[in-house]
Protein backbone atom coordinates (compact mmCIF):
# COMPACT_ATOMS: atom_id res chain seq x y z
CA MET A 1 -11.61 15.23 -10.98
CA PRO A 2 -12.34 11.41 -10.60
CA ALA A 3 -11.58 9.96 -7.24
CA ASP A 4 -8.89 7.76 -8.48
CA HIS A 5 -6.97 10.79 -9.86
CA ALA A 6 -6.98 12.78 -6.70
CA ASP A 7 -4.08 15.10 -6.21
CA ASP A 8 -1.57 13.24 -4.20
CA ALA A 9 0.29 16.30 -3.11
CA ALA A 10 -2.93 17.75 -1.73
CA ASP A 11 -3.67 14.59 0.09
CA GLU A 12 -0.24 14.57 1.76
CA SER A 13 -0.85 18.16 2.74
CA GLU A 14 -4.16 17.26 4.33
CA MET A 15 -2.59 14.27 6.11
CA ALA A 16 0.19 16.53 7.52
CA SER A 17 -2.48 19.00 8.78
CA HIS A 18 -4.42 16.20 10.45
CA GLY A 19 -1.25 14.99 12.15
CA ALA A 20 -0.73 18.51 13.58
CA HIS A 21 -4.10 18.10 15.51
CA ASP A 22 -3.67 14.53 16.57
CA ALA A 23 -1.94 15.50 19.71
CA ASP A 24 -4.65 18.00 20.68
CA SER A 25 -7.56 15.89 21.64
CA ALA A 26 -8.93 18.26 24.34
CA PRO A 27 -12.21 19.88 23.69
CA LEU A 28 -12.20 23.47 22.34
CA ALA A 29 -12.45 26.16 24.96
CA TYR A 30 -15.99 26.98 25.91
CA PRO A 31 -17.07 30.59 26.39
CA PRO A 32 -17.76 31.68 29.95
CA PRO A 33 -21.31 30.94 31.06
CA ASP A 34 -22.03 34.60 31.40
CA GLN A 35 -21.06 35.25 27.75
CA PRO A 36 -23.21 34.65 24.58
CA GLN A 37 -23.10 30.92 23.80
CA PRO A 38 -22.75 29.23 20.37
CA ARG A 39 -25.11 26.40 19.31
CA LEU A 40 -23.99 23.76 16.75
CA ALA A 41 -26.63 22.60 14.28
CA ILE A 42 -26.08 20.27 11.30
CA GLU A 43 -28.81 20.46 8.60
CA GLY A 44 -30.07 16.96 7.78
CA GLY A 45 -28.11 15.31 10.71
CA PRO A 46 -24.58 13.92 10.82
CA ARG A 47 -24.95 10.89 8.54
CA ARG A 48 -24.52 10.96 4.69
CA GLU A 49 -24.81 8.21 2.20
CA LEU A 50 -23.92 8.17 -1.57
CA SER A 51 -24.04 5.60 -4.28
CA VAL A 52 -21.57 6.01 -7.20
CA TRP A 53 -19.96 4.01 -9.96
CA ARG A 54 -16.32 3.07 -9.46
CA GLY A 55 -14.12 6.02 -10.25
CA GLU A 56 -17.06 8.42 -10.45
CA ASP A 57 -16.77 11.87 -8.70
CA HIS A 58 -18.29 12.07 -5.38
CA ALA A 59 -18.51 14.47 -2.40
CA PHE A 60 -20.05 14.33 0.92
CA GLU A 61 -21.35 17.78 2.26
CA TRP A 62 -22.68 18.89 5.65
CA LEU A 63 -24.04 22.35 6.23
CA VAL A 64 -22.85 23.32 9.77
CA LYS A 65 -24.85 26.29 11.27
CA ASN A 66 -24.41 28.44 14.25
CA ALA A 67 -27.87 28.77 15.78
CA GLY A 68 -26.49 30.45 19.00
CA GLU A 69 -25.62 33.89 20.03
CA GLY A 70 -21.77 33.57 20.28
CA PRO A 71 -19.09 32.60 17.80
CA LEU A 72 -18.85 28.88 17.05
CA ALA A 73 -15.44 27.39 16.72
CA ILE A 74 -15.23 24.04 14.95
CA ARG A 75 -12.25 21.67 14.33
CA LEU A 76 -12.30 18.77 11.92
CA LYS A 77 -10.26 15.66 12.18
CA THR A 78 -10.31 12.56 10.19
CA CYS A 79 -8.32 9.31 9.60
CA CYS A 80 -6.53 8.08 6.47
CA GLY A 81 -8.51 7.38 3.47
CA THR A 82 -10.56 10.58 3.60
CA ARG A 83 -9.91 14.14 2.46
CA ILE A 84 -11.32 17.22 3.99
CA HIS A 85 -11.54 20.26 1.51
CA GLY A 86 -10.81 23.55 3.10
CA GLU A 87 -9.51 24.58 6.52
CA LEU A 88 -9.70 22.19 9.53
CA ASP A 89 -10.24 24.98 12.08
CA ARG A 90 -13.11 27.38 11.29
CA THR A 91 -15.08 30.03 13.10
CA ILE A 92 -18.79 30.54 12.33
CA PRO A 93 -20.45 33.76 13.49
CA PRO A 94 -23.93 33.82 15.01
CA GLY A 95 -26.46 33.04 12.33
CA GLY A 96 -23.67 31.97 9.94
CA GLU A 97 -22.97 28.59 8.28
CA GLU A 98 -20.13 26.66 6.80
CA THR A 99 -20.08 23.69 4.41
CA VAL A 100 -17.83 20.79 5.26
CA ARG A 101 -16.86 18.83 2.10
CA VAL A 102 -15.27 15.40 2.33
CA THR A 103 -14.26 12.90 -0.33
CA LEU A 104 -12.95 9.35 0.22
CA SER A 105 -9.60 8.83 -1.54
CA GLY A 106 -8.58 6.35 -4.06
CA ASN A 107 -10.32 4.16 -6.61
CA ARG A 108 -12.33 2.11 -4.18
CA PRO A 109 -13.44 -1.50 -5.03
CA PRO A 110 -17.19 -2.21 -5.36
CA GLY A 111 -19.03 -2.48 -2.11
CA ARG A 112 -19.80 -0.36 0.91
CA ALA A 113 -17.26 1.84 2.68
CA SER A 114 -17.90 3.94 5.90
CA LYS A 115 -15.68 6.60 7.38
CA ASN A 116 -16.14 8.90 10.45
CA ILE A 117 -14.97 12.58 10.56
CA GLU A 118 -14.75 14.00 13.95
CA LEU A 119 -16.16 17.50 14.50
CA ARG A 120 -15.22 19.23 17.70
CA SER A 121 -16.83 22.56 18.66
CA ASN A 122 -16.94 25.00 21.48
CA ASP A 123 -20.66 24.29 22.07
CA ARG A 124 -20.67 22.61 25.50
CA ASN A 125 -23.73 20.59 24.53
CA ASN A 126 -22.12 19.33 21.24
CA ALA A 127 -18.46 19.19 22.06
CA ILE A 128 -17.86 16.16 19.77
CA THR A 129 -19.97 15.01 16.80
CA GLN A 130 -19.12 12.20 14.48
CA LEU A 131 -19.95 12.92 10.84
CA THR A 132 -20.46 9.66 9.11
CA ALA A 133 -19.74 9.20 5.34
CA ILE A 134 -20.99 6.01 3.65
CA LEU A 135 -20.06 5.31 0.13
CA ASN A 136 -21.67 2.57 -1.93
CA VAL A 137 -19.50 1.72 -5.00
CA ARG A 138 -21.49 0.12 -7.83
CA SER A 139 -20.02 -2.24 -10.43
CA ALA A 140 -21.21 -3.60 -13.66
CA LEU A 141 -19.73 -7.02 -12.94
CA LYS A 142 -19.84 -9.20 -9.72
CA PHE A 143 -16.82 -11.48 -9.48
CA GLU A 144 -16.90 -14.66 -7.31
CA PRO A 145 -14.32 -14.76 -5.78
CA SER A 146 -12.90 -11.30 -5.84
CA PRO A 147 -9.96 -10.74 -5.74
CA LEU A 148 -8.68 -14.04 -6.88
CA ASN A 149 -5.79 -15.40 -4.79
CA PHE A 150 -4.14 -18.63 -5.74
CA GLY A 151 -2.53 -18.90 -2.24
CA ARG A 152 0.85 -20.40 -1.73
CA VAL A 153 2.41 -21.80 -4.86
CA ASP A 154 5.47 -24.20 -4.85
CA ARG A 155 8.29 -23.24 -7.13
CA ASP A 156 8.07 -26.40 -9.33
CA ALA A 157 4.27 -26.40 -9.42
CA PRO A 158 2.54 -26.85 -12.85
CA ALA A 159 0.15 -24.44 -14.46
CA LEU A 160 -2.70 -23.57 -11.95
CA SER A 161 -6.29 -22.92 -12.98
CA HIS A 162 -9.24 -21.28 -11.13
CA THR A 163 -12.84 -20.60 -12.38
CA VAL A 164 -14.29 -17.27 -11.40
CA LYS A 165 -18.08 -16.67 -11.78
CA ILE A 166 -19.17 -13.45 -13.27
CA HIS A 167 -22.72 -12.23 -12.61
CA ARG A 168 -24.65 -9.15 -13.66
CA GLY A 169 -23.92 -6.28 -11.29
CA ASP A 170 -25.67 -3.02 -10.53
CA GLY A 171 -26.37 -1.95 -14.04
CA GLY A 172 -28.19 -3.43 -17.03
CA PRO A 173 -27.43 -6.69 -18.85
CA ILE A 174 -23.79 -7.43 -19.32
CA ALA A 175 -21.72 -8.33 -22.43
CA PRO A 176 -18.19 -9.06 -21.05
CA LYS A 177 -15.20 -9.27 -23.46
CA LEU A 178 -11.60 -10.02 -22.44
CA LEU A 179 -9.02 -7.30 -22.85
CA PRO A 180 -5.50 -8.19 -23.81
CA ILE A 181 -3.34 -9.38 -20.84
CA SER A 182 0.18 -7.99 -20.65
CA ASN A 183 1.50 -10.57 -18.05
CA ASP A 184 2.88 -13.57 -19.89
CA ALA A 185 2.40 -15.80 -16.76
CA LEU A 186 -1.42 -15.11 -16.95
CA ARG A 187 -4.03 -16.53 -19.32
CA ALA A 188 -7.86 -16.23 -19.31
CA GLU A 189 -10.77 -17.68 -21.20
CA LEU A 190 -14.36 -16.52 -20.94
CA ARG A 191 -17.51 -18.68 -21.28
CA GLU A 192 -21.20 -17.59 -21.65
CA ILE A 193 -23.51 -19.39 -19.15
CA GLN A 194 -26.60 -17.21 -19.44
CA PRO A 195 -26.58 -14.33 -21.92
CA GLY A 196 -26.47 -10.96 -20.20
CA GLU A 197 -26.56 -12.37 -16.66
CA GLU A 198 -23.92 -15.01 -16.04
CA TYR A 199 -20.57 -15.98 -17.33
CA GLU A 200 -17.39 -18.06 -16.21
CA LEU A 201 -13.94 -16.96 -16.46
CA ASP A 202 -11.04 -19.53 -16.37
CA VAL A 203 -7.91 -17.89 -15.00
CA VAL A 204 -4.59 -19.78 -15.51
CA LEU A 205 -1.24 -19.04 -13.76
CA THR A 206 1.56 -20.52 -15.74
CA PRO A 207 5.29 -21.05 -15.03
CA PRO A 208 8.00 -19.70 -15.09
CA PHE A 209 6.75 -17.88 -12.02
CA PRO A 210 8.27 -14.73 -10.71
CA ASN A 211 10.64 -14.85 -7.88
CA HIS A 212 8.41 -13.85 -4.95
CA SER A 213 4.82 -12.77 -5.09
CA PHE A 214 2.59 -12.49 -8.14
CA ASN A 215 0.26 -9.53 -8.57
CA SER A 216 -1.67 -8.85 -11.79
CA SER A 217 -5.17 -8.37 -13.12
CA VAL A 218 -7.59 -9.47 -15.77
CA GLY A 219 -9.45 -6.67 -17.58
CA LEU A 220 -12.83 -6.95 -19.17
CA GLU A 221 -15.16 -4.73 -21.26
CA THR A 222 -18.52 -4.91 -19.38
CA GLY A 223 -21.05 -3.74 -22.07
CA VAL A 224 -22.50 -1.38 -19.38
CA ALA A 225 -22.27 2.32 -20.28
CA GLN A 226 -21.82 3.54 -16.68
CA SER A 227 -18.73 1.35 -16.09
CA PRO A 228 -17.35 0.31 -19.53
CA ARG A 229 -14.21 -1.46 -18.16
CA GLU A 230 -13.52 -3.36 -14.93
CA THR A 231 -10.76 -5.62 -13.62
CA LEU A 232 -10.26 -8.64 -11.48
CA SER A 233 -7.21 -8.66 -9.32
CA VAL A 234 -5.15 -11.84 -9.37
CA SER A 235 -2.43 -12.73 -6.78
CA ALA A 236 -0.33 -15.60 -5.56
CA GLN A 237 2.32 -16.14 -2.90
CA LEU A 238 5.21 -17.97 -4.61
CA VAL A 239 8.15 -19.92 -3.00
CA PRO A 240 11.12 -17.88 -4.14
CA ARG A 241 13.30 -19.29 -6.85
CA LEU A 242 16.24 -17.48 -5.35
CA THR A 243 17.03 -16.05 -1.87
CA THR A 244 20.26 -14.81 -0.34
CA MET A 245 21.71 -15.35 3.02
CA PRO A 246 22.31 -12.72 4.37
CA SER A 247 19.84 -10.63 2.47
CA TYR A 248 22.07 -7.47 2.67
CA PHE A 249 25.69 -6.65 3.49
CA GLY A 250 26.05 -4.52 6.65
CA VAL A 251 29.18 -2.29 6.72
CA VAL A 252 30.64 -0.32 9.53
CA PRO A 253 31.15 3.16 8.07
CA GLY A 254 34.73 4.59 8.16
CA LEU A 255 36.31 1.37 9.48
CA ASP A 256 40.24 1.44 8.86
CA GLU A 257 40.32 -1.98 7.23
CA GLU A 258 38.56 -4.02 4.56
CA GLN A 259 35.28 -5.51 5.27
CA ARG A 260 34.01 -8.57 3.53
CA ALA A 261 30.78 -10.66 3.33
CA THR A 262 30.11 -13.92 1.57
CA VAL A 263 26.44 -14.12 0.43
CA GLN A 264 25.09 -17.55 -0.17
CA LEU A 265 22.70 -18.09 -3.06
CA ASN A 266 19.85 -20.44 -2.15
CA TRP A 267 17.91 -21.93 -5.12
CA SER A 268 14.55 -23.87 -5.21
CA GLY A 269 12.61 -25.42 -7.91
CA GLY A 270 15.28 -27.11 -10.05
CA ARG A 271 18.94 -26.82 -10.77
CA PRO A 272 20.79 -23.60 -9.88
CA ALA A 273 21.06 -20.99 -12.56
CA ARG A 274 24.28 -19.28 -13.71
CA VAL A 275 25.26 -15.77 -12.49
CA LEU A 276 26.17 -13.99 -15.70
CA ASN A 277 27.43 -10.79 -14.27
CA ALA A 278 27.90 -9.18 -10.84
CA GLU A 279 28.36 -5.42 -10.69
CA ALA A 280 28.60 -3.01 -7.78
CA SER A 281 27.16 0.49 -7.95
CA ASP A 282 30.44 1.76 -6.32
CA GLN A 283 33.63 1.18 -8.18
CA ALA A 284 35.58 0.81 -4.95
CA VAL A 285 33.54 -2.39 -4.10
CA ARG A 286 35.05 -5.83 -5.25
CA VAL A 287 32.50 -8.46 -6.24
CA GLU A 288 33.53 -12.10 -6.88
CA VAL A 289 31.28 -15.01 -7.86
CA GLY A 290 32.75 -17.92 -6.06
CA PRO A 291 32.30 -21.71 -5.91
CA GLY A 292 29.33 -23.13 -3.97
CA GLU A 293 26.70 -20.67 -5.27
CA SER A 294 28.08 -17.69 -3.44
CA VAL A 295 29.07 -14.08 -3.99
CA THR A 296 31.81 -12.33 -2.00
CA ILE A 297 31.66 -8.66 -1.65
CA THR A 298 34.61 -6.63 -0.30
CA VAL A 299 34.60 -2.90 0.61
CA PRO A 300 37.91 -0.89 1.10
CA PRO A 301 39.04 0.73 4.36
CA GLY A 302 37.30 3.97 5.29
CA PHE A 303 34.21 3.22 3.18
CA GLU A 304 31.45 5.69 3.73
CA PHE A 305 27.74 6.30 2.71
CA PRO A 306 27.34 9.75 1.18
CA PRO A 307 23.59 10.88 1.31
CA GLY A 308 21.63 10.06 -1.78
CA GLN A 309 24.00 7.48 -3.08
CA PRO A 310 22.66 4.06 -2.37
CA LYS A 311 25.24 1.16 -2.47
CA ARG A 312 24.36 -2.20 -3.87
CA VAL A 313 25.50 -5.10 -5.92
CA LEU A 314 23.38 -6.13 -8.99
CA LEU A 315 23.39 -9.80 -10.21
CA THR A 316 22.46 -10.66 -13.62
CA ILE A 317 21.19 -14.17 -13.81
CA ASP A 318 20.45 -16.79 -16.49
CA ASP A 319 16.93 -17.53 -15.33
CA ALA A 320 13.51 -16.43 -16.52
CA SER A 321 12.02 -16.27 -13.01
CA VAL A 322 14.73 -14.01 -11.53
CA PRO A 323 16.78 -12.34 -14.30
CA GLN A 324 18.19 -9.86 -11.80
CA LEU A 325 18.76 -9.61 -8.03
CA THR A 326 19.99 -6.80 -5.90
CA ILE A 327 22.10 -7.24 -2.74
CA PRO A 328 21.96 -3.90 -0.81
CA ILE A 329 25.13 -2.62 0.96
CA VAL A 330 23.88 -0.76 3.97
CA SER A 331 25.42 1.14 6.98
CA THR A 332 25.16 -0.69 10.18
CA ARG A 333 24.07 2.61 11.86
CA ALA A 334 20.78 2.24 9.91
CA VAL A 335 20.25 -1.44 10.92
CA PRO A 336 17.54 -1.92 13.68
CA ARG A 337 18.98 -3.19 16.92
CA PRO A 338 17.37 -6.04 19.03
CA ALA A 339 15.24 -5.20 21.95
CA SER A 340 17.03 -4.61 25.24
CA ASP A 341 15.76 -7.85 26.79
CA GLY A 342 17.16 -9.79 23.81
CA GLY A 343 13.99 -10.92 22.44
CA ASN A 344 10.65 -10.02 20.80
CA GLN A 345 7.39 -9.51 22.35
CA PRO A 346 4.88 -12.33 21.91
CA GLY A 347 2.93 -11.80 18.72
CA GLY A 348 5.05 -8.72 17.69
CA PRO A 349 7.18 -8.40 14.65
CA ALA A 350 10.67 -10.06 14.63
CA THR A 351 13.50 -7.65 15.29
CA PRO A 352 16.25 -7.90 12.74
CA ARG A 353 19.79 -8.82 13.95
CA PRO A 354 22.58 -6.80 12.48
CA PRO A 355 24.68 -8.99 10.25
CA ASP A 356 28.19 -10.21 11.02
CA VAL A 357 30.90 -8.29 9.23
CA GLN A 358 33.87 -10.42 8.05
CA SER A 359 37.29 -8.81 8.23
CA PRO A 360 40.04 -10.01 5.96
CA ARG A 361 41.53 -12.06 8.89
CA GLY A 362 38.42 -14.17 8.87
CA ASP A 363 37.25 -13.19 12.39
CA ALA A 364 33.53 -12.17 12.81
CA ARG A 365 32.93 -8.56 14.07
CA ARG A 366 29.68 -7.61 15.73
CA THR A 367 28.57 -4.10 15.03
């Protein structure tokens, strides 16, 4: 099975198994000195290096032997991005051996990736050994830059263009051809500079831009049999066309009175668009599109949040950049609380503040 089609469920199972051992960082128990002792031996040493084409099957293998006279207990532990095949805890009898097989997960980009797998044992002279897996991923095309990031883009910016150089990669001469692009905001044009060796790709990002970030790709046929198709990732950080304040409506569950929030619609990059429709996922919720680019949401007394039934308001908008926008309705019990000292640690993430809940009388309630 190719690396980019690895079984997700199996990976999750592996990760859960790894987590079970994270708390146990102590060495495995050594046998008493007067008892037969195990001796760990790794054929070929602890380092392995492979070179593969992107998406090609790969597996790192270590033959672990017990060259001692007592049973050898081993425990394997790895970090995310790797998968150990087989049991994490194993016992190898004297003179026996076990194969440790590891793959690096995902469809990795071209270049070099290195991961360590920790092997603990009850051999007091080799209590911890780091197995090192180095994967060199080959590619037919070398893009410069890769990935392509247009950076921060203003909402009213014109079409943006960037030229990407394409060089021959790890295979034979290249013959790139553009594949159809499904994203309407992206165009590309390919030019030959030196046949088989060097090309230039003009990538153009055109308005109307999406509401927030932009992530897409340009695909090319390479002309190289080992890797017939490759892609260039393209991204941009866009000033939003539409944001809301607040971004969600926090509701106190079971409150014996109506709760109401007025959500302000903040537009950038031209005139505000029209809200064509505003619909709540719960029929008990009232939604009104008011003057001043605002939406008022009202929930009835005793409003609750049954499990598995998310509450939201969906706006349908007459705007190509943001044809729809969702305003979540959330229980204030699920809203993170500020730190006890009333502030955030320097350099740490901002702590969200629970929203004010407006009662019908117009007073603000803190939850």
